[in-house]
Amino acid sequence: MARHSDEDEIGPRRPRWPQPRERVPLAVALDQKPRPDAAANPRPGAPRVVATGRGAVAEQILAIAFAQGVPVREDPDLVELLATLELDAEVPIDAIAAVAEILSYVYRANRAAAGDSARDDGPPRGAGL
């Protein structure tokens, strides 16, 4: 009995390379709410996750941020970490350094937009993310 193989009709098999996956957008929005003791301590509390989404939801989050003039920063590793958090959860200590860098950028951008080049030691009054 003769064996029939694909090689007989179409030649030797070629290795199949995995096809690259389409990159699905992912977005996380952060906010800093005032501390409960805001009168005694005017610095905001830890950043909290206020929105997260993939695909079309991520695109909506970004569209709202751009429309509101909220500075946006791309950091794939950080967004993956933050996307695992529940809504209204504080940013974990492991991510604070990266978030602090982003917040510093946001504060400078807010001050530049307001024309205030004074101190760069915290958020401007009434600043939102």
N, C-alpha and C. Protein backbone atom coordinates (compact mmCIF):
# COMPACT_ATOMS: atom_id res chain seq x y z
N MET A 1 0.84 -1.15 0.00
CA MET A 1 0.00 0.00 0.00
C MET A 1 0.90 1.23 0.00
N ALA A 2 0.64 2.14 -0.89
CA ALA A 2 1.44 3.36 -1.00
C ALA A 2 0.89 4.43 -0.07
N ARG A 3 1.81 5.20 0.49
CA ARG A 3 1.41 6.30 1.36
C ARG A 3 1.23 7.56 0.53
N HIS A 4 0.24 8.29 0.87
CA HIS A 4 -0.01 9.57 0.20
C HIS A 4 0.40 10.68 1.17
N SER A 5 1.20 11.60 0.70
CA SER A 5 1.59 12.70 1.58
C SER A 5 1.38 14.03 0.86
N ASP A 6 1.35 15.08 1.66
CA ASP A 6 1.21 16.42 1.09
C ASP A 6 2.39 16.77 0.21
N GLU A 7 3.56 16.19 0.50
CA GLU A 7 4.75 16.50 -0.29
C GLU A 7 4.59 16.06 -1.74
N ASP A 8 3.80 15.01 -1.98
CA ASP A 8 3.61 14.52 -3.34
C ASP A 8 2.94 15.57 -4.22
N GLU A 9 2.03 16.35 -3.65
CA GLU A 9 1.27 17.30 -4.45
C GLU A 9 1.79 18.74 -4.38
N ILE A 10 2.26 19.15 -3.24
CA ILE A 10 2.63 20.56 -3.12
C ILE A 10 4.08 20.78 -2.72
N GLY A 11 4.88 19.78 -2.70
CA GLY A 11 6.28 19.95 -2.33
C GLY A 11 6.47 19.84 -0.83
N PRO A 12 7.69 20.08 -0.38
CA PRO A 12 7.96 19.95 1.05
C PRO A 12 7.20 21.01 1.86
N ARG A 13 6.86 20.64 3.07
CA ARG A 13 6.15 21.58 3.94
C ARG A 13 7.09 22.68 4.41
N ARG A 14 6.56 23.86 4.48
CA ARG A 14 7.32 25.00 4.98
C ARG A 14 6.90 25.27 6.42
N PRO A 15 7.85 25.76 7.21
CA PRO A 15 7.45 26.09 8.59
C PRO A 15 6.42 27.22 8.58
N ARG A 16 5.49 27.14 9.50
CA ARG A 16 4.46 28.17 9.61
C ARG A 16 4.87 29.12 10.72
N TRP A 17 5.10 30.36 10.37
CA TRP A 17 5.47 31.38 11.34
C TRP A 17 4.21 31.96 11.95
N PRO A 18 4.25 32.23 13.22
CA PRO A 18 3.06 32.84 13.82
C PRO A 18 2.81 34.22 13.22
N GLN A 19 1.57 34.50 12.99
CA GLN A 19 1.19 35.80 12.45
C GLN A 19 1.22 36.82 13.59
N PRO A 20 1.75 38.03 13.32
CA PRO A 20 1.75 39.04 14.39
C PRO A 20 0.32 39.41 14.76
N ARG A 21 0.10 39.55 16.05
CA ARG A 21 -1.23 39.93 16.51
C ARG A 21 -1.42 41.43 16.35
N GLU A 22 -2.64 41.78 16.06
CA GLU A 22 -2.96 43.20 15.98
C GLU A 22 -2.93 43.77 17.40
N ARG A 23 -2.30 44.90 17.55
CA ARG A 23 -2.18 45.53 18.87
C ARG A 23 -3.51 46.16 19.25
N VAL A 24 -4.06 45.70 20.36
CA VAL A 24 -5.33 46.24 20.86
C VAL A 24 -5.01 47.35 21.84
N PRO A 25 -5.56 48.55 21.63
CA PRO A 25 -5.26 49.66 22.53
C PRO A 25 -5.71 49.35 23.97
N LEU A 26 -4.95 49.84 24.91
CA LEU A 26 -5.25 49.72 26.33
C LEU A 26 -5.00 51.08 26.96
N ALA A 27 -5.93 51.54 27.78
CA ALA A 27 -5.77 52.86 28.41
C ALA A 27 -6.24 52.79 29.86
N VAL A 28 -5.56 53.56 30.70
CA VAL A 28 -5.94 53.70 32.10
C VAL A 28 -5.90 55.19 32.43
N ALA A 29 -6.94 55.68 33.07
CA ALA A 29 -6.99 57.08 33.50
C ALA A 29 -6.81 57.13 35.01
N LEU A 30 -5.97 58.07 35.45
CA LEU A 30 -5.70 58.26 36.87
C LEU A 30 -6.21 59.62 37.32
N ASP A 31 -6.51 59.71 38.60
CA ASP A 31 -6.89 60.98 39.20
C ASP A 31 -6.32 61.02 40.61
N GLN A 32 -6.11 62.21 41.11
CA GLN A 32 -5.68 62.37 42.50
C GLN A 32 -6.75 63.14 43.23
N LYS A 33 -7.40 62.47 44.14
CA LYS A 33 -8.44 63.12 44.94
C LYS A 33 -7.79 63.77 46.15
N PRO A 34 -8.36 64.86 46.62
CA PRO A 34 -7.81 65.49 47.83
C PRO A 34 -7.92 64.53 49.02
N ARG A 35 -6.99 64.64 49.92
CA ARG A 35 -7.03 63.82 51.13
C ARG A 35 -8.19 64.30 52.01
N PRO A 36 -8.69 63.42 52.88
CA PRO A 36 -9.77 63.83 53.79
C PRO A 36 -9.35 65.00 54.69
N ASP A 37 -8.05 65.07 55.02
CA ASP A 37 -7.56 66.15 55.87
C ASP A 37 -6.93 67.26 55.03
N ALA A 38 -7.57 67.61 53.92
CA ALA A 38 -7.00 68.55 52.96
C ALA A 38 -6.67 69.91 53.57
N ALA A 39 -7.39 70.32 54.60
CA ALA A 39 -7.09 71.62 55.22
C ALA A 39 -5.74 71.58 55.92
N ALA A 40 -5.44 70.47 56.59
CA ALA A 40 -4.17 70.33 57.30
C ALA A 40 -3.04 69.90 56.37
N ASN A 41 -3.37 69.14 55.35
CA ASN A 41 -2.36 68.62 54.42
C ASN A 41 -2.85 68.85 53.00
N PRO A 42 -2.44 69.94 52.35
CA PRO A 42 -2.99 70.28 51.04
C PRO A 42 -2.52 69.39 49.89
N ARG A 43 -1.54 68.54 50.12
CA ARG A 43 -1.08 67.66 49.05
C ARG A 43 -2.15 66.60 48.74
N PRO A 44 -2.29 66.23 47.48
CA PRO A 44 -3.29 65.22 47.14
C PRO A 44 -2.87 63.85 47.66
N GLY A 45 -3.85 62.94 47.75
CA GLY A 45 -3.58 61.57 48.16
C GLY A 45 -2.95 60.80 47.02
N ALA A 46 -2.85 59.49 47.20
CA ALA A 46 -2.26 58.63 46.18
C ALA A 46 -3.14 58.63 44.93
N PRO A 47 -2.53 58.51 43.75
CA PRO A 47 -3.33 58.44 42.52
C PRO A 47 -4.24 57.22 42.55
N ARG A 48 -5.40 57.36 41.95
CA ARG A 48 -6.38 56.27 41.88
C ARG A 48 -6.77 56.03 40.42
N VAL A 49 -7.15 54.79 40.14
CA VAL A 49 -7.63 54.42 38.81
C VAL A 49 -9.09 54.86 38.70
N VAL A 50 -9.39 55.69 37.71
CA VAL A 50 -10.76 56.16 37.52
C VAL A 50 -11.41 55.61 36.25
N ALA A 51 -10.61 55.06 35.35
CA ALA A 51 -11.16 54.43 34.14
C ALA A 51 -10.10 53.51 33.55
N THR A 52 -10.56 52.42 32.98
CA THR A 52 -9.66 51.50 32.30
C THR A 52 -10.44 50.80 31.19
N GLY A 53 -9.78 50.50 30.10
CA GLY A 53 -10.47 49.82 29.01
C GLY A 53 -9.53 49.39 27.91
N ARG A 54 -10.00 48.43 27.13
CA ARG A 54 -9.29 47.92 25.96
C ARG A 54 -10.12 48.19 24.71
N GLY A 55 -9.44 48.24 23.58
CA GLY A 55 -10.13 48.40 22.31
C GLY A 55 -10.87 49.72 22.21
N ALA A 56 -12.16 49.63 21.86
CA ALA A 56 -12.96 50.84 21.65
C ALA A 56 -13.09 51.67 22.92
N VAL A 57 -13.15 51.01 24.08
CA VAL A 57 -13.25 51.75 25.35
C VAL A 57 -11.96 52.54 25.58
N ALA A 58 -10.81 51.92 25.30
CA ALA A 58 -9.52 52.62 25.44
C ALA A 58 -9.48 53.83 24.51
N GLU A 59 -9.96 53.66 23.30
CA GLU A 59 -9.98 54.78 22.36
C GLU A 59 -10.87 55.91 22.86
N GLN A 60 -12.00 55.57 23.51
CA GLN A 60 -12.87 56.60 24.08
C GLN A 60 -12.19 57.32 25.24
N ILE A 61 -11.50 56.57 26.10
CA ILE A 61 -10.77 57.18 27.22
C ILE A 61 -9.75 58.18 26.68
N LEU A 62 -9.00 57.77 25.66
CA LEU A 62 -7.99 58.65 25.07
C LEU A 62 -8.63 59.86 24.40
N ALA A 63 -9.73 59.65 23.69
CA ALA A 63 -10.40 60.77 23.02
C ALA A 63 -10.87 61.80 24.04
N ILE A 64 -11.42 61.34 25.15
CA ILE A 64 -11.87 62.26 26.20
C ILE A 64 -10.68 63.01 26.79
N ALA A 65 -9.60 62.28 27.05
CA ALA A 65 -8.40 62.92 27.61
C ALA A 65 -7.87 64.00 26.67
N PHE A 66 -7.76 63.68 25.38
CA PHE A 66 -7.26 64.66 24.42
C PHE A 66 -8.21 65.86 24.33
N ALA A 67 -9.52 65.60 24.30
CA ALA A 67 -10.50 66.68 24.20
C ALA A 67 -10.46 67.60 25.42
N GLN A 68 -10.16 67.04 26.59
CA GLN A 68 -10.11 67.82 27.83
C GLN A 68 -8.74 68.43 28.08
N GLY A 69 -7.79 68.15 27.19
CA GLY A 69 -6.44 68.69 27.37
C GLY A 69 -5.63 67.98 28.44
N VAL A 70 -6.03 66.77 28.78
CA VAL A 70 -5.30 65.99 29.79
C VAL A 70 -4.05 65.42 29.14
N PRO A 71 -2.88 65.65 29.72
CA PRO A 71 -1.66 65.07 29.15
C PRO A 71 -1.74 63.55 29.15
N VAL A 72 -1.29 62.95 28.06
CA VAL A 72 -1.32 61.50 27.89
C VAL A 72 0.11 61.02 27.70
N ARG A 73 0.43 59.93 28.33
CA ARG A 73 1.78 59.37 28.21
C ARG A 73 1.66 57.89 27.88
N GLU A 74 2.49 57.40 26.96
CA GLU A 74 2.46 56.00 26.58
C GLU A 74 3.55 55.25 27.34
N ASP A 75 3.13 54.22 28.08
CA ASP A 75 4.05 53.36 28.82
C ASP A 75 3.40 51.98 28.90
N PRO A 76 3.69 51.10 27.92
CA PRO A 76 3.01 49.81 27.83
C PRO A 76 3.11 48.96 29.10
N ASP A 77 4.27 48.92 29.73
CA ASP A 77 4.42 48.10 30.94
C ASP A 77 3.58 48.64 32.09
N LEU A 78 3.62 49.95 32.27
CA LEU A 78 2.86 50.55 33.36
C LEU A 78 1.36 50.41 33.14
N VAL A 79 0.90 50.62 31.92
CA VAL A 79 -0.54 50.53 31.66
C VAL A 79 -1.03 49.10 31.88
N GLU A 80 -0.21 48.10 31.55
CA GLU A 80 -0.60 46.71 31.81
C GLU A 80 -0.76 46.47 33.31
N LEU A 81 0.16 47.00 34.10
CA LEU A 81 0.07 46.86 35.55
C LEU A 81 -1.16 47.58 36.09
N LEU A 82 -1.35 48.82 35.68
CA LEU A 82 -2.47 49.61 36.20
C LEU A 82 -3.83 49.05 35.76
N ALA A 83 -3.88 48.42 34.60
CA ALA A 83 -5.14 47.86 34.10
C ALA A 83 -5.63 46.69 34.94
N THR A 84 -4.75 46.11 35.73
CA THR A 84 -5.17 44.99 36.59
C THR A 84 -5.85 45.47 37.87
N LEU A 85 -5.78 46.76 38.15
CA LEU A 85 -6.37 47.30 39.38
C LEU A 85 -7.87 47.52 39.22
N GLU A 86 -8.57 47.45 40.34
CA GLU A 86 -10.01 47.74 40.36
C GLU A 86 -10.21 49.25 40.22
N LEU A 87 -11.38 49.64 39.74
CA LEU A 87 -11.70 51.07 39.68
C LEU A 87 -11.67 51.66 41.08
N ASP A 88 -11.18 52.85 41.20
CA ASP A 88 -11.03 53.62 42.43
C ASP A 88 -9.96 53.05 43.37
N ALA A 89 -9.16 52.08 42.88
CA ALA A 89 -8.06 51.54 43.68
C ALA A 89 -6.87 52.48 43.62
N GLU A 90 -6.16 52.59 44.74
CA GLU A 90 -4.94 53.39 44.75
C GLU A 90 -3.84 52.68 43.98
N VAL A 91 -2.97 53.46 43.37
CA VAL A 91 -1.83 52.90 42.65
C VAL A 91 -0.93 52.21 43.68
N PRO A 92 -0.51 50.96 43.41
CA PRO A 92 0.33 50.24 44.38
C PRO A 92 1.72 50.85 44.50
N ILE A 93 2.35 50.60 45.62
CA ILE A 93 3.67 51.16 45.89
C ILE A 93 4.68 50.76 44.81
N ASP A 94 4.51 49.56 44.22
CA ASP A 94 5.43 49.09 43.17
C ASP A 94 5.43 50.02 41.96
N ALA A 95 4.32 50.69 41.72
CA ALA A 95 4.20 51.53 40.53
C ALA A 95 4.33 53.01 40.84
N ILE A 96 4.49 53.35 42.10
CA ILE A 96 4.51 54.77 42.49
C ILE A 96 5.62 55.55 41.79
N ALA A 97 6.82 54.98 41.68
CA ALA A 97 7.93 55.71 41.04
C ALA A 97 7.59 56.08 39.61
N ALA A 98 7.04 55.12 38.85
CA ALA A 98 6.68 55.40 37.46
C ALA A 98 5.55 56.42 37.39
N VAL A 99 4.56 56.27 38.26
CA VAL A 99 3.45 57.22 38.26
C VAL A 99 3.92 58.60 38.70
N ALA A 100 4.85 58.65 39.66
CA ALA A 100 5.38 59.94 40.11
C ALA A 100 6.06 60.68 38.97
N GLU A 101 6.78 59.94 38.13
CA GLU A 101 7.43 60.55 36.97
C GLU A 101 6.38 61.14 36.02
N ILE A 102 5.31 60.39 35.80
CA ILE A 102 4.24 60.86 34.93
C ILE A 102 3.56 62.09 35.54
N LEU A 103 3.28 62.02 36.84
CA LEU A 103 2.63 63.16 37.50
C LEU A 103 3.50 64.40 37.45
N SER A 104 4.81 64.23 37.60
CA SER A 104 5.72 65.36 37.50
C SER A 104 5.60 66.01 36.13
N TYR A 105 5.54 65.18 35.09
CA TYR A 105 5.36 65.66 33.73
C TYR A 105 4.03 66.42 33.61
N VAL A 106 2.97 65.85 34.18
CA VAL A 106 1.66 66.48 34.10
C VAL A 106 1.66 67.83 34.83
N TYR A 107 2.27 67.88 36.01
CA TYR A 107 2.32 69.13 36.77
C TYR A 107 3.06 70.21 35.98
N ARG A 108 4.21 69.83 35.39
CA ARG A 108 4.97 70.81 34.59
C ARG A 108 4.14 71.29 33.41
N ALA A 109 3.45 70.35 32.74
CA ALA A 109 2.63 70.72 31.59
C ALA A 109 1.49 71.65 32.01
N ASN A 110 0.87 71.35 33.15
CA ASN A 110 -0.22 72.22 33.64
C ASN A 110 0.30 73.61 33.98
N ARG A 111 1.45 73.67 34.61
CA ARG A 111 2.03 74.98 34.96
C ARG A 111 2.41 75.76 33.70
N ALA A 112 3.00 75.05 32.74
CA ALA A 112 3.38 75.72 31.49
C ALA A 112 2.14 76.28 30.80
N ALA A 113 1.06 75.50 30.80
CA ALA A 113 -0.17 75.96 30.16
C ALA A 113 -0.76 77.16 30.90
N ALA A 114 -0.56 77.19 32.23
CA ALA A 114 -1.09 78.30 33.03
C ALA A 114 -0.13 79.48 33.07
N GLY A 115 1.08 79.31 32.52
CA GLY A 115 2.07 80.38 32.51
C GLY A 115 2.73 80.58 33.86
N ASP A 116 2.68 79.58 34.73
CA ASP A 116 3.26 79.67 36.07
C ASP A 116 4.52 78.83 36.11
N SER A 117 5.67 79.48 36.08
CA SER A 117 6.94 78.75 36.09
C SER A 117 7.56 78.76 37.48
N ALA A 118 6.77 79.02 38.49
CA ALA A 118 7.30 79.07 39.87
C ALA A 118 7.78 77.69 40.30
N ARG A 119 7.49 77.30 41.49
CA ARG A 119 8.00 76.04 42.03
C ARG A 119 7.41 74.84 41.29
N ASP A 120 8.17 73.73 41.32
CA ASP A 120 7.71 72.48 40.71
C ASP A 120 7.71 71.40 41.79
N ASP A 121 7.01 71.66 42.89
CA ASP A 121 7.06 70.72 44.00
C ASP A 121 5.73 70.02 44.25
N GLY A 122 4.83 70.09 43.34
CA GLY A 122 3.56 69.41 43.54
C GLY A 122 2.54 69.88 42.54
N PRO A 123 1.33 69.40 42.70
CA PRO A 123 0.30 69.75 41.73
C PRO A 123 -0.15 71.19 41.88
N PRO A 124 -0.48 71.83 40.78
CA PRO A 124 -1.06 73.16 40.89
C PRO A 124 -2.44 73.05 41.51
N ARG A 125 -2.90 74.11 42.13
CA ARG A 125 -4.22 74.08 42.75
C ARG A 125 -5.29 73.81 41.70
N GLY A 126 -6.19 72.90 42.04
CA GLY A 126 -7.28 72.59 41.14
C GLY A 126 -6.87 71.73 39.96
N ALA A 127 -5.66 71.16 39.99
CA ALA A 127 -5.21 70.34 38.86
C ALA A 127 -5.92 69.01 38.88
N GLY A 128 -6.27 68.53 37.72
CA GLY A 128 -6.86 67.21 37.59
C GLY A 128 -6.10 66.43 36.55
N LEU A 129 -6.18 65.13 36.64
CA LEU A 129 -5.50 64.28 35.67
C LEU A 129 -6.51 63.66 34.75
